[in-house]
N, C-alpha and C. Protein backbone atom coordinates (compact mmCIF):
# COMPACT_ATOMS: atom_id res chain seq x y z
N MET A 1 12.80 19.83 -7.94
CA MET A 1 12.77 20.74 -7.23
C MET A 1 13.87 21.38 -6.79
N LYS A 2 14.97 20.25 -6.83
CA LYS A 2 16.14 20.55 -6.35
C LYS A 2 16.85 22.59 -7.32
N LEU A 3 16.31 22.26 -8.37
CA LEU A 3 16.22 23.27 -9.61
C LEU A 3 15.68 24.45 -9.17
N MET A 4 14.42 23.86 -8.44
CA MET A 4 13.74 25.52 -8.58
C MET A 4 14.03 26.59 -7.17
N THR A 5 14.52 25.24 -6.18
CA THR A 5 15.59 25.56 -4.81
C THR A 5 16.39 26.97 -5.18
N ARG A 6 17.42 25.85 -6.06
CA ARG A 6 18.56 26.80 -6.77
C ARG A 6 18.53 28.08 -7.38
N SER A 7 17.08 27.98 -7.97
CA SER A 7 16.87 29.59 -8.72
C SER A 7 16.33 30.57 -7.67
N ILE A 8 15.26 30.55 -6.50
CA ILE A 8 15.07 31.02 -5.82
C ILE A 8 16.32 31.53 -5.05
N ALA A 9 16.98 30.74 -4.57
CA ALA A 9 18.14 31.21 -3.92
C ALA A 9 19.19 31.99 -5.00
N ALA A 10 19.29 31.99 -6.16
CA ALA A 10 20.07 32.82 -6.97
C ALA A 10 19.54 34.02 -6.36
N VAL A 11 18.00 34.34 -7.18
CA VAL A 11 17.41 35.54 -7.20
C VAL A 11 17.44 36.21 -5.75
N LEU A 12 17.64 35.41 -4.55
CA LEU A 12 17.73 35.54 -2.85
C LEU A 12 19.05 37.07 -2.78
N LEU A 13 20.14 35.92 -3.87
CA LEU A 13 21.50 36.59 -3.95
C LEU A 13 21.53 38.13 -5.04
N SER A 14 20.62 37.62 -5.46
CA SER A 14 21.22 38.84 -6.54
C SER A 14 20.22 40.21 -5.70
N ALA A 15 19.53 40.34 -5.18
CA ALA A 15 18.50 41.06 -4.54
C ALA A 15 19.92 41.55 -3.58
N SER A 16 19.93 40.70 -2.75
CA SER A 16 20.31 41.24 -1.34
C SER A 16 22.13 41.75 -2.09
N ALA A 17 22.53 41.54 -3.27
CA ALA A 17 23.87 41.96 -3.88
C ALA A 17 23.43 43.87 -4.03
N LEU A 18 21.89 43.59 -5.18
CA LEU A 18 21.90 44.96 -4.96
C LEU A 18 21.22 45.84 -3.75
N CYS A 19 21.16 45.71 -2.77
CA CYS A 19 20.80 46.59 -1.65
C CYS A 19 21.80 47.10 -1.10
N VAL A 20 23.16 46.40 -1.48
CA VAL A 20 24.70 46.31 -0.54
C VAL A 20 25.46 47.16 -1.21
N SER A 21 24.92 47.17 -2.88
CA SER A 21 25.38 48.60 -3.78
C SER A 21 24.73 49.16 -3.80
N ALA A 22 23.87 49.42 -3.36
CA ALA A 22 22.56 50.30 -3.70
C ALA A 22 23.66 51.53 -1.84
N SER A 23 23.49 50.84 -0.54
CA SER A 23 23.75 51.24 0.39
C SER A 23 24.89 51.99 -0.10
N ALA A 24 26.25 51.01 -0.41
CA ALA A 24 26.80 51.44 -0.70
C ALA A 24 27.41 53.02 -1.84
N GLN A 25 26.36 53.21 -2.31
CA GLN A 25 26.17 54.23 -3.48
C GLN A 25 25.77 55.88 -2.47
N LYS A 26 24.92 55.31 -1.81
CA LYS A 26 24.40 56.16 -0.58
C LYS A 26 25.68 56.92 0.48
N SER A 27 26.42 55.81 0.77
CA SER A 27 27.42 56.30 1.61
C SER A 27 28.48 57.26 1.26
N ASP A 28 28.80 56.47 0.12
CA ASP A 28 29.80 57.21 -1.19
C ASP A 28 29.37 58.99 -1.52
N LYS A 29 27.97 59.15 -0.99
CA LYS A 29 27.84 60.32 -1.08
C LYS A 29 28.46 61.44 0.25
N GLY A 30 28.43 60.54 1.27
CA GLY A 30 28.74 61.43 2.45
C GLY A 30 27.77 61.90 3.26
N PRO A 31 28.21 62.45 4.40
CA PRO A 31 27.22 63.34 5.51
C PRO A 31 26.06 64.01 4.78
N VAL A 32 25.00 63.78 5.34
CA VAL A 32 23.97 65.10 4.77
C VAL A 32 24.55 66.52 5.35
N THR A 33 24.30 67.36 5.00
CA THR A 33 24.80 68.91 5.42
C THR A 33 23.75 69.24 5.99
N PRO A 34 23.19 69.81 7.24
CA PRO A 34 21.92 70.38 7.84
C PRO A 34 21.48 71.39 7.55
N VAL A 35 20.04 71.56 7.42
CA VAL A 35 19.25 73.18 6.83
C VAL A 35 19.81 73.92 7.35
N PRO A 36 20.34 75.03 7.66
CA PRO A 36 20.31 76.28 8.33
C PRO A 36 18.64 76.90 8.75
N PRO A 37 18.88 77.44 10.22
CA PRO A 37 17.54 77.98 10.26
C PRO A 37 16.95 79.35 9.76
N ALA A 38 16.23 78.94 9.16
CA ALA A 38 15.56 80.38 8.14
C ALA A 38 15.88 81.66 9.26
N PRO A 39 15.79 82.63 8.07
CA PRO A 39 16.25 83.94 9.17
C PRO A 39 14.36 84.27 9.19
N VAL A 40 14.26 85.13 10.80
CA VAL A 40 13.00 85.64 10.69
C VAL A 40 12.79 87.06 11.22
N SER A 41 11.37 87.36 10.20
CA SER A 41 11.18 89.07 10.87
C SER A 41 10.02 88.70 11.68
N TYR A 42 10.00 89.23 13.07
CA TYR A 42 8.78 88.88 13.67
C TYR A 42 8.94 90.30 14.54
N GLY A 43 7.58 90.05 15.66
CA GLY A 43 7.22 91.15 16.68
C GLY A 43 7.13 90.49 17.80
N LEU A 44 7.68 90.92 18.64
CA LEU A 44 7.07 90.50 20.15
C LEU A 44 5.68 91.60 20.66
N VAL A 45 4.68 90.97 21.25
CA VAL A 45 3.67 92.28 21.20
C VAL A 45 3.17 91.30 22.17
N VAL A 46 3.47 92.47 23.62
CA VAL A 46 3.79 92.14 24.76
C VAL A 46 2.16 92.79 25.89
N ASP A 47 2.01 92.35 26.79
CA ASP A 47 0.77 92.73 27.36
C ASP A 47 1.44 93.66 28.89
N ASN A 48 0.85 94.73 28.75
CA ASN A 48 0.93 95.80 29.80
C ASN A 48 0.03 95.91 30.69
N SER A 49 -0.93 94.96 30.69
CA SER A 49 -1.99 95.64 31.26
C SER A 49 -2.00 95.41 33.31
N GLY A 50 -2.70 95.54 33.66
CA GLY A 50 -2.40 95.40 35.50
C GLY A 50 -3.27 94.13 35.63
N SER A 51 -2.92 93.51 35.00
CA SER A 51 -2.93 92.38 35.39
C SER A 51 -1.21 91.64 35.36
N PHE A 52 -0.34 92.14 35.08
CA PHE A 52 0.59 92.17 34.94
C PHE A 52 1.86 92.90 35.48
N ARG A 53 0.93 93.79 36.58
CA ARG A 53 1.76 94.37 37.45
C ARG A 53 3.26 93.59 38.36
N LEU A 54 2.70 92.55 38.85
CA LEU A 54 3.53 91.91 40.02
C LEU A 54 4.36 91.15 38.86
N LEU A 55 4.47 91.13 37.46
CA LEU A 55 4.94 90.02 36.62
C LEU A 55 6.44 90.60 35.68
N LEU A 56 5.88 92.22 35.82
CA LEU A 56 6.60 92.57 34.50
C LEU A 56 8.26 92.51 34.74
N ASP A 57 8.72 92.11 35.46
CA ASP A 57 9.99 92.32 35.90
C ASP A 57 10.24 90.89 35.06
N LYS A 58 9.93 89.79 35.38
CA LYS A 58 9.55 88.82 34.49
C LYS A 58 9.60 88.65 33.15
N VAL A 59 7.93 89.51 32.67
CA VAL A 59 8.36 89.79 31.78
C VAL A 59 9.29 90.16 30.53
N ILE A 60 10.04 90.86 31.29
CA ILE A 60 10.76 91.81 30.85
C ILE A 60 11.84 91.13 30.37
N SER A 61 12.22 89.94 31.92
CA SER A 61 13.34 88.94 31.44
C SER A 61 13.31 87.90 30.26
N VAL A 62 11.99 87.37 29.93
CA VAL A 62 11.68 86.81 28.98
C VAL A 62 11.67 87.11 27.73
N VAL A 63 11.03 88.36 27.53
CA VAL A 63 11.20 89.33 25.99
C VAL A 63 12.80 89.26 26.02
N ALA A 64 13.85 89.90 26.97
CA ALA A 64 15.08 89.96 26.84
C ALA A 64 15.81 88.23 26.20
N ASP A 65 15.69 87.51 26.88
CA ASP A 65 15.85 86.34 26.24
C ASP A 65 15.54 85.71 25.05
N VAL A 66 14.43 85.95 24.66
CA VAL A 66 14.33 86.19 23.31
C VAL A 66 14.80 86.66 22.45
N ILE A 67 15.37 87.98 22.67
CA ILE A 67 16.13 88.95 21.74
C ILE A 67 17.38 88.50 21.65
N GLU A 68 18.03 87.81 22.78
CA GLU A 68 19.04 87.16 22.84
C GLU A 68 19.29 86.53 21.86
N THR A 69 18.29 85.59 21.10
CA THR A 69 18.23 84.06 20.17
C THR A 69 18.35 85.14 18.99
N GLN A 70 18.32 86.19 18.84
CA GLN A 70 18.24 86.27 16.98
C GLN A 70 19.14 86.23 16.40
N SER A 71 19.65 86.12 15.20
CA SER A 71 20.44 86.13 14.70
C SER A 71 21.03 87.23 13.79
N PRO A 72 22.27 87.68 13.21
CA PRO A 72 22.21 89.17 12.27
C PRO A 72 20.96 89.06 10.95
N GLU A 73 20.67 88.36 10.72
CA GLU A 73 19.56 88.22 9.26
C GLU A 73 18.23 88.33 9.96
N ASP A 74 18.35 87.91 11.24
CA ASP A 74 16.60 88.37 11.44
C ASP A 74 16.24 89.86 12.38
N GLU A 75 15.14 90.16 11.90
CA GLU A 75 14.54 91.41 12.44
C GLU A 75 13.34 91.39 13.32
N ALA A 76 13.38 92.38 14.10
CA ALA A 76 12.01 92.42 15.65
C ALA A 76 11.52 93.74 15.22
N PHE A 77 10.29 94.12 15.95
CA PHE A 77 9.79 95.11 16.68
C PHE A 77 8.88 94.40 17.51
N LEU A 78 8.86 95.53 19.01
CA LEU A 78 8.05 95.48 19.67
C LEU A 78 6.77 96.60 19.83
N VAL A 79 5.81 95.55 20.46
CA VAL A 79 4.50 96.27 20.72
C VAL A 79 3.79 96.13 22.36
N THR A 80 3.97 97.20 22.65
CA THR A 80 3.02 96.66 24.00
C THR A 80 1.10 97.42 23.94
N PHE A 81 0.78 96.32 25.04
CA PHE A 81 -0.89 97.07 25.14
C PHE A 81 -1.50 97.08 26.01
N VAL A 82 -2.70 97.75 26.26
CA VAL A 82 -3.40 97.62 26.88
C VAL A 82 -4.75 97.17 26.20
N ASP A 83 -5.22 98.30 26.66
CA ASP A 83 -6.36 98.86 25.96
C ASP A 83 -6.04 98.81 24.67
N THR A 84 -7.80 98.93 23.41
CA THR A 84 -6.98 99.36 21.87
C THR A 84 -6.60 100.93 22.13
N PRO A 85 -6.46 101.77 22.33
CA PRO A 85 -6.31 102.94 22.50
C PRO A 85 -4.85 102.78 23.02
N LYS A 86 -4.14 101.93 23.70
CA LYS A 86 -2.72 102.22 24.56
C LYS A 86 -1.78 101.08 23.24
N ILE A 87 -2.27 100.43 22.20
CA ILE A 87 -1.37 100.12 21.57
C ILE A 87 -0.78 100.31 20.90
N ALA A 88 0.83 100.51 21.56
CA ALA A 88 1.74 101.46 21.24
C ALA A 88 3.03 100.52 20.13
N LEU A 89 3.80 100.96 19.16
CA LEU A 89 4.80 100.64 18.27
C LEU A 89 5.87 101.31 19.24
N ARG A 90 7.05 100.30 20.85
CA ARG A 90 7.53 100.63 20.84
C ARG A 90 8.72 100.87 20.31
N GLN A 91 9.24 99.65 19.67
CA GLN A 91 10.49 99.73 18.26
C GLN A 91 10.09 99.62 17.21
N GLU A 92 10.85 100.14 16.01
CA GLU A 92 10.51 99.50 14.77
C GLU A 92 11.49 98.27 14.53
N LEU A 93 11.28 97.84 13.56
CA LEU A 93 12.08 96.95 12.74
C LEU A 93 13.20 97.44 12.94
N THR A 94 14.21 96.53 13.03
CA THR A 94 15.37 96.11 13.75
C THR A 94 16.11 95.24 14.01
N ASN A 95 17.38 95.20 13.37
CA ASN A 95 18.40 93.96 14.09
C ASN A 95 19.13 94.38 14.83
N ARG A 96 18.78 95.35 15.61
CA ARG A 96 20.07 95.67 16.33
C ARG A 96 19.26 95.24 18.05
N LYS A 97 20.02 94.11 18.40
CA LYS A 97 19.60 93.42 19.73
C LYS A 97 18.95 94.57 20.90
N THR A 98 20.45 95.78 20.71
CA THR A 98 20.28 96.43 22.06
C THR A 98 19.29 97.49 21.83
N GLU A 99 18.63 97.92 20.61
CA GLU A 99 17.65 98.63 20.62
C GLU A 99 16.40 97.86 20.88
N LEU A 100 16.21 96.80 20.54
CA LEU A 100 14.95 96.04 21.48
C LEU A 100 15.05 96.45 22.50
N ARG A 101 16.25 95.71 23.26
CA ARG A 101 16.79 95.61 24.99
C ARG A 101 16.15 96.51 25.50
N ASP A 102 16.51 97.75 24.67
CA ASP A 102 16.21 98.73 25.31
C ASP A 102 14.29 99.19 25.79
N ALA A 103 14.00 98.88 24.08
CA ALA A 103 12.60 98.82 24.51
C ALA A 103 11.97 98.57 25.71
N ALA A 104 12.26 96.89 25.25
CA ALA A 104 11.80 96.09 26.61
C ALA A 104 11.62 96.90 28.15
N GLN A 105 12.73 97.02 28.23
CA GLN A 105 13.44 97.40 29.36
C GLN A 105 12.74 99.03 29.99
N ASN A 106 11.92 99.71 29.24
CA ASN A 106 11.50 100.73 29.44
C ASN A 106 9.94 100.52 29.20
N MET A 107 9.50 99.21 29.01
CA MET A 107 7.99 98.72 29.20
C MET A 107 7.28 99.24 30.60
N TYR A 108 6.50 99.75 30.63
CA TYR A 108 5.54 100.07 32.30
C TYR A 108 4.06 99.69 32.14
N ILE A 109 3.36 99.37 33.39
CA ILE A 109 2.09 99.26 32.74
C ILE A 109 0.97 100.47 33.42
N GLU A 110 0.08 99.58 32.76
CA GLU A 110 -1.14 100.93 32.66
C GLU A 110 -2.23 99.94 32.99
N GLY A 111 -3.19 101.27 33.43
CA GLY A 111 -4.72 100.26 33.55
C GLY A 111 -5.23 100.97 32.41
N GLY A 112 -6.26 99.08 32.62
CA GLY A 112 -7.13 99.86 31.21
C GLY A 112 -8.30 98.38 31.28
N PRO A 113 -9.08 97.59 30.18
CA PRO A 113 -9.38 96.31 29.85
C PRO A 113 -8.08 95.84 28.91
N THR A 114 -8.08 94.42 28.52
CA THR A 114 -7.25 94.12 27.83
C THR A 114 -7.53 93.51 26.37
N ALA A 115 -7.11 93.97 25.38
CA ALA A 115 -7.83 94.19 23.77
C ALA A 115 -6.58 92.81 23.32
N ILE A 116 -6.47 91.50 23.35
CA ILE A 116 -5.30 90.88 22.96
C ILE A 116 -5.23 91.15 21.23
N LEU A 117 -6.83 91.05 20.51
CA LEU A 117 -7.07 90.49 19.46
C LEU A 117 -6.70 91.54 18.80
N ASP A 118 -7.04 92.73 19.17
CA ASP A 118 -6.70 93.70 18.09
C ASP A 118 -5.36 94.18 18.38
N ALA A 119 -4.71 94.34 19.42
CA ALA A 119 -3.20 94.22 19.37
C ALA A 119 -2.72 93.37 18.32
N VAL A 120 -2.64 92.02 18.33
CA VAL A 120 -2.18 91.19 17.61
C VAL A 120 -2.58 91.75 15.39
N LYS A 121 -3.78 92.05 15.68
CA LYS A 121 -4.01 92.53 14.61
C LYS A 121 -3.27 93.66 14.12
N SER A 122 -3.06 94.46 15.06
CA SER A 122 -2.07 95.74 14.50
C SER A 122 -0.87 95.24 14.05
N ALA A 123 -0.61 94.27 15.00
CA ALA A 123 1.00 94.10 15.25
C ALA A 123 1.48 93.04 13.41
N ALA A 124 0.21 92.45 13.58
CA ALA A 124 0.48 91.72 11.86
C ALA A 124 -0.15 92.45 10.94
N ALA A 125 -0.48 93.61 10.84
CA ALA A 125 -0.73 94.71 9.75
C ALA A 125 0.86 95.31 9.44
N TYR A 126 1.33 95.59 10.85
CA TYR A 126 2.39 96.62 10.76
C TYR A 126 3.73 95.77 9.93
N LEU A 127 3.87 93.98 10.44
CA LEU A 127 4.76 93.55 10.43
C LEU A 127 4.23 92.70 8.64
N ASP A 128 3.18 93.12 7.90
CA ASP A 128 3.22 91.93 6.45
C ASP A 128 3.91 94.03 5.83
N GLU A 129 3.13 95.35 6.23
CA GLU A 129 4.17 95.97 5.71
C GLU A 129 5.28 96.40 5.61
N ASN A 130 6.04 96.25 7.05
CA ASN A 130 7.31 96.61 6.89
C ASN A 130 8.47 95.68 7.16
N GLY A 131 7.65 94.35 7.26
CA GLY A 131 8.80 93.13 7.28
C GLY A 131 10.14 93.09 5.90
N SER A 132 10.92 92.71 6.17
CA SER A 132 12.12 92.45 4.42
C SER A 132 11.33 90.81 3.99
N LYS A 133 11.69 91.56 2.58
CA LYS A 133 10.84 90.38 2.36
C LYS A 133 12.16 89.32 1.75
N GLU A 134 13.52 90.01 1.99
CA GLU A 134 14.63 88.84 1.45
C GLU A 134 15.05 88.43 2.46
N PRO A 135 16.08 87.01 2.96
CA PRO A 135 15.89 86.51 1.40
C PRO A 135 14.74 85.27 0.97
N ALA A 136 14.87 84.99 0.49
CA ALA A 136 13.71 84.09 0.36
C ALA A 136 13.55 82.72 1.04
N GLY A 137 12.62 82.96 1.66
CA GLY A 137 12.27 81.68 2.74
C GLY A 137 12.24 82.05 3.94
N ARG A 138 12.31 84.04 4.49
CA ARG A 138 12.19 84.53 5.34
C ARG A 138 11.25 84.03 5.89
N LEU A 139 10.84 83.39 6.86
CA LEU A 139 9.53 83.62 8.10
C LEU A 139 8.75 84.53 8.70
N ARG A 140 7.73 84.49 8.70
CA ARG A 140 7.10 85.33 9.49
C ARG A 140 6.21 85.21 11.20
N SER A 141 6.39 85.67 12.56
CA SER A 141 5.75 85.25 13.40
C SER A 141 5.49 86.34 14.53
N LEU A 142 4.83 86.36 15.13
CA LEU A 142 4.45 87.26 16.48
C LEU A 142 4.72 86.46 17.74
N VAL A 143 5.47 86.85 18.07
CA VAL A 143 5.63 86.43 19.97
C VAL A 143 4.70 87.05 20.54
N LEU A 144 3.83 86.52 21.52
CA LEU A 144 2.56 86.90 22.06
C LEU A 144 2.77 86.77 23.30
N VAL A 145 2.85 87.90 24.28
CA VAL A 145 3.32 87.37 26.18
C VAL A 145 2.00 87.87 26.68
N THR A 146 1.32 87.49 27.23
CA THR A 146 -0.08 87.79 27.73
C THR A 146 -0.97 86.74 28.55
N ASP A 147 -1.80 87.05 29.52
CA ASP A 147 -2.46 86.14 30.44
C ASP A 147 -3.49 85.56 29.52
N GLY A 148 -3.93 86.00 28.50
CA GLY A 148 -4.39 85.63 27.28
C GLY A 148 -6.41 85.68 27.68
N ASP A 149 -6.39 86.66 28.42
CA ASP A 149 -7.81 87.56 29.13
C ASP A 149 -8.10 88.53 28.58
N ASP A 150 -8.54 88.46 27.56
CA ASP A 150 -9.09 89.39 26.44
C ASP A 150 -10.56 90.36 26.66
N ARG A 151 -10.63 91.43 26.92
CA ARG A 151 -12.10 92.32 27.42
C ARG A 151 -12.25 93.42 26.27
N GLU A 152 -11.82 93.67 25.70
CA GLU A 152 -11.79 95.08 25.56
C GLU A 152 -11.85 95.18 23.34
N SER A 153 -11.40 93.46 22.84
CA SER A 153 -11.00 93.74 21.32
C SER A 153 -12.51 93.81 20.42
N LYS A 154 -12.41 94.57 19.79
CA LYS A 154 -13.55 94.55 18.65
C LYS A 154 -13.66 93.75 17.93
N THR A 155 -11.77 93.14 17.16
CA THR A 155 -11.53 92.33 16.70
C THR A 155 -12.11 90.87 16.93
N LYS A 156 -12.73 89.84 16.14
CA LYS A 156 -13.24 88.62 16.25
C LYS A 156 -12.17 87.89 15.85
N ILE A 157 -12.10 86.54 16.43
CA ILE A 157 -10.78 85.86 16.00
C ILE A 157 -11.22 84.98 15.03
N GLU A 158 -11.80 84.87 14.20
CA GLU A 158 -12.21 83.94 13.30
C GLU A 158 -11.94 85.16 12.00
N GLU A 159 -11.85 86.42 12.12
CA GLU A 159 -11.29 87.12 11.25
C GLU A 159 -9.92 87.82 11.53
N LEU A 160 -9.45 87.81 12.27
CA LEU A 160 -7.66 87.79 12.68
C LEU A 160 -6.88 86.30 11.71
N LEU A 161 -7.64 85.39 12.00
CA LEU A 161 -7.27 83.88 11.90
C LEU A 161 -6.84 84.02 10.83
N ILE A 162 -8.30 84.91 9.71
CA ILE A 162 -7.77 84.40 8.32
C ILE A 162 -7.25 85.04 7.70
N ILE A 163 -6.61 86.89 8.84
CA ILE A 163 -5.74 87.73 7.96
C ILE A 163 -4.53 87.03 8.16
N LEU A 164 -4.02 86.27 9.44
CA LEU A 164 -2.95 85.76 9.96
C LEU A 164 -2.61 84.55 9.04
N ARG A 165 -3.42 83.76 8.14
CA ARG A 165 -3.14 82.61 7.61
C ARG A 165 -2.73 83.20 5.89
N GLU A 166 -3.28 84.65 5.61
CA GLU A 166 -3.21 84.52 4.31
C GLU A 166 -2.16 85.14 4.32
N ARG A 167 -1.34 85.71 5.22
CA ARG A 167 -0.28 86.72 5.54
C ARG A 167 1.44 85.31 5.32
N ASN A 168 0.15 84.33 6.07
CA ASN A 168 1.65 83.84 6.32
C ASN A 168 2.55 83.62 7.65
N ILE A 169 1.74 84.43 8.64
CA ILE A 169 2.41 84.87 10.02
C ILE A 169 1.82 83.57 11.30
N ARG A 170 2.59 82.99 11.86
CA ARG A 170 2.38 82.32 12.75
C ARG A 170 2.48 83.16 14.25
N VAL A 171 1.57 82.51 15.17
CA VAL A 171 1.47 83.12 16.12
C VAL A 171 2.42 82.72 17.23
N PHE A 172 3.23 82.75 18.37
CA PHE A 172 3.71 81.36 19.17
C PHE A 172 3.26 82.41 20.41
N VAL A 173 3.13 81.93 21.76
CA VAL A 173 2.96 82.90 23.32
C VAL A 173 3.03 81.91 24.01
N ILE A 174 3.43 83.25 24.88
CA ILE A 174 4.44 83.19 26.41
C ILE A 174 3.00 82.99 27.24
N ALA A 175 2.77 82.32 27.66
CA ALA A 175 1.68 82.49 28.38
C ALA A 175 1.36 82.57 30.15
N MET A 176 1.92 83.64 30.77
CA MET A 176 2.06 84.10 32.34
C MET A 176 1.06 84.68 32.89
N SER A 177 0.75 83.98 34.35
CA SER A 177 -0.19 84.97 35.14
C SER A 177 0.04 84.71 36.25
N ASP A 178 0.10 85.59 37.42
CA ASP A 178 0.07 85.04 38.94
C ASP A 178 -1.33 84.95 39.43
N VAL A 179 -2.21 84.66 38.53
CA VAL A 179 -3.66 84.67 38.97
C VAL A 179 -4.26 83.42 38.37
N ARG A 180 -4.54 83.90 37.02
CA ARG A 180 -5.48 83.28 36.30
C ARG A 180 -5.24 83.39 35.00
N MET A 181 -5.27 82.09 34.27
CA MET A 181 -4.82 81.89 33.01
C MET A 181 -5.72 81.52 32.64
N ASN A 182 -5.86 82.25 31.12
CA ASN A 182 -6.87 81.94 30.13
C ASN A 182 -6.31 81.69 28.97
N THR A 183 -6.06 79.84 28.63
CA THR A 183 -5.32 79.66 27.52
C THR A 183 -6.07 79.36 26.20
N LYS A 184 -7.37 79.44 26.47
CA LYS A 184 -8.75 79.18 25.55
C LYS A 184 -8.19 80.05 24.13
N LEU A 185 -8.31 81.43 24.27
CA LEU A 185 -7.75 82.11 22.52
C LEU A 185 -6.66 82.44 22.25
N VAL A 186 -5.73 82.38 23.20
CA VAL A 186 -4.26 82.24 22.74
C VAL A 186 -4.12 80.54 22.30
N GLY A 187 -4.49 80.18 22.81
CA GLY A 187 -4.15 78.59 22.08
C GLY A 187 -4.31 78.35 21.06
N ARG A 188 -5.76 78.85 20.87
CA ARG A 188 -6.75 78.42 19.08
C ARG A 188 -5.19 79.84 18.37
N LEU A 189 -5.03 80.89 18.79
CA LEU A 189 -4.48 81.53 18.02
C LEU A 189 -3.24 81.00 17.57
N SER A 190 -2.44 80.36 18.52
CA SER A 190 -1.22 79.85 17.99
C SER A 190 -1.46 78.19 16.64
N LYS A 191 -2.45 77.53 18.07
CA LYS A 191 -2.53 76.32 16.54
C LYS A 191 -3.03 76.22 15.82
N GLU A 192 -3.60 77.41 15.09
CA GLU A 192 -4.62 77.64 13.69
C GLU A 192 -3.61 78.37 13.10
N THR A 193 -2.94 78.71 13.26
CA THR A 193 -1.48 79.86 12.72
C THR A 193 -0.36 78.88 12.29
N GLY A 194 -0.11 77.64 13.30
CA GLY A 194 1.11 76.95 13.30
C GLY A 194 1.81 77.01 14.42
N GLY A 195 1.69 77.81 15.65
CA GLY A 195 2.69 77.98 16.54
C GLY A 195 2.70 76.84 17.12
N LEU A 196 3.25 77.72 18.27
CA LEU A 196 3.01 77.24 20.06
C LEU A 196 2.61 77.99 21.09
N VAL A 197 1.91 77.48 22.28
CA VAL A 197 2.07 78.13 23.63
C VAL A 197 2.60 77.35 24.54
N TYR A 198 3.77 78.32 24.80
CA TYR A 198 4.70 78.01 26.16
C TYR A 198 4.12 78.64 27.60
N LEU A 199 3.88 77.65 28.39
CA LEU A 199 3.63 77.92 29.90
C LEU A 199 4.52 78.00 30.89
N PRO A 200 5.24 78.85 30.95
CA PRO A 200 6.24 78.62 32.32
C PRO A 200 6.40 79.08 33.32
N LYS A 201 6.47 78.09 34.21
CA LYS A 201 6.29 79.16 36.28
C LYS A 201 7.58 79.88 36.72
N ASN A 202 8.24 79.47 36.37
CA ASN A 202 9.43 80.24 37.31
C ASN A 202 10.41 80.89 36.17
N LYS A 203 11.84 81.10 36.94
CA LYS A 203 12.40 81.88 35.89
C LYS A 203 13.47 80.73 34.93
N ALA A 204 13.63 79.29 35.37
CA ALA A 204 14.47 78.26 34.57
C ALA A 204 13.38 78.25 33.79
N GLU A 205 12.48 77.94 33.36
CA GLU A 205 11.25 77.74 32.43
C GLU A 205 11.42 78.68 31.95
N LEU A 206 11.27 80.13 31.67
CA LEU A 206 11.00 81.31 31.12
C LEU A 206 12.52 80.90 30.44
N ALA A 207 13.50 80.92 30.82
CA ALA A 207 14.48 80.84 29.63
C ALA A 207 14.57 80.01 29.07
N THR A 208 13.93 78.41 29.27
CA THR A 208 14.12 77.16 28.48
C THR A 208 12.98 77.78 27.28
N ALA A 209 11.50 78.42 27.94
CA ALA A 209 10.43 78.76 27.01
C ALA A 209 11.18 79.66 25.78
N ALA A 210 11.94 80.42 26.04
CA ALA A 210 12.59 82.00 24.86
C ALA A 210 13.56 80.74 24.03
N LYS A 211 14.47 79.42 24.67
CA LYS A 211 15.29 79.18 23.49
C LYS A 211 14.19 78.21 22.57
N GLU A 212 12.84 77.56 23.42
CA GLU A 212 12.55 76.55 22.79
C GLU A 212 11.66 77.72 21.61
N LEU A 213 11.18 78.45 22.03
CA LEU A 213 10.76 79.48 20.77
C LEU A 213 11.04 79.74 19.93
N SER A 214 12.47 80.46 19.98
CA SER A 214 13.49 80.75 18.92
C SER A 214 14.04 79.76 17.73
N VAL A 215 13.74 78.50 18.41
CA VAL A 215 14.24 76.87 17.62
C VAL A 215 13.23 77.36 16.91
N ALA A 216 11.92 77.23 17.49
CA ALA A 216 10.64 76.55 16.52
C ALA A 216 10.10 77.48 15.67
N MET A 217 10.77 78.68 16.10
CA MET A 217 10.00 79.91 15.54
C MET A 217 10.51 80.03 13.97
N ARG A 218 11.91 79.27 14.23
CA ARG A 218 12.59 79.55 12.76
C ARG A 218 12.99 78.05 12.33
N SER A 219 12.36 77.23 12.04
CA SER A 219 12.10 76.05 11.53
C SER A 219 10.36 76.32 10.78
N LYS A 220 10.71 75.72 9.62
CA LYS A 220 9.58 75.73 8.61
C LYS A 220 8.82 74.66 8.74
């Protein structure tokens, strides 16, 4: 019995020594270098319908906050929309923040029923056709600013989700409203493409949402 006990103790000591040795080998490699954020090509898809009349200043502010987070390797464009005929490319893809900010400052409210899905489909097509393919690992996203109330789109959500998944485009939503929020549609768009929905209620939360969205958009 004593001999068996000694044998077990020897095995345990040997295993402990191996663990210490493995730990020492890991520590010899030094600290792990953090992976830098991936560059991103993205579109700002912004609701300019009448329901945003009282929110336009906040909309411009949060769009400017998102633009400000860009790195030199990023590129972005700006699309505004109301109904389907009023889907407009206000700024082509660029890495120049000043051009994007100027385009955002020039947004204005128009009347008409809202066509969210048609606008997202149009923006996705533009991004797929014109977005940079370099460097390898570049990510693609759409940042949708809306209250989620779609009244005009001919595009069906199932059709749009297939397009977005095939083109590896994630949808991140900043949902805003001064009356009623409809998160069902935008919640599905974001969830099923790997994006997120943000529901800021004041200026401070808008700034926080822009920063958090920027990090999420650049994370694989």
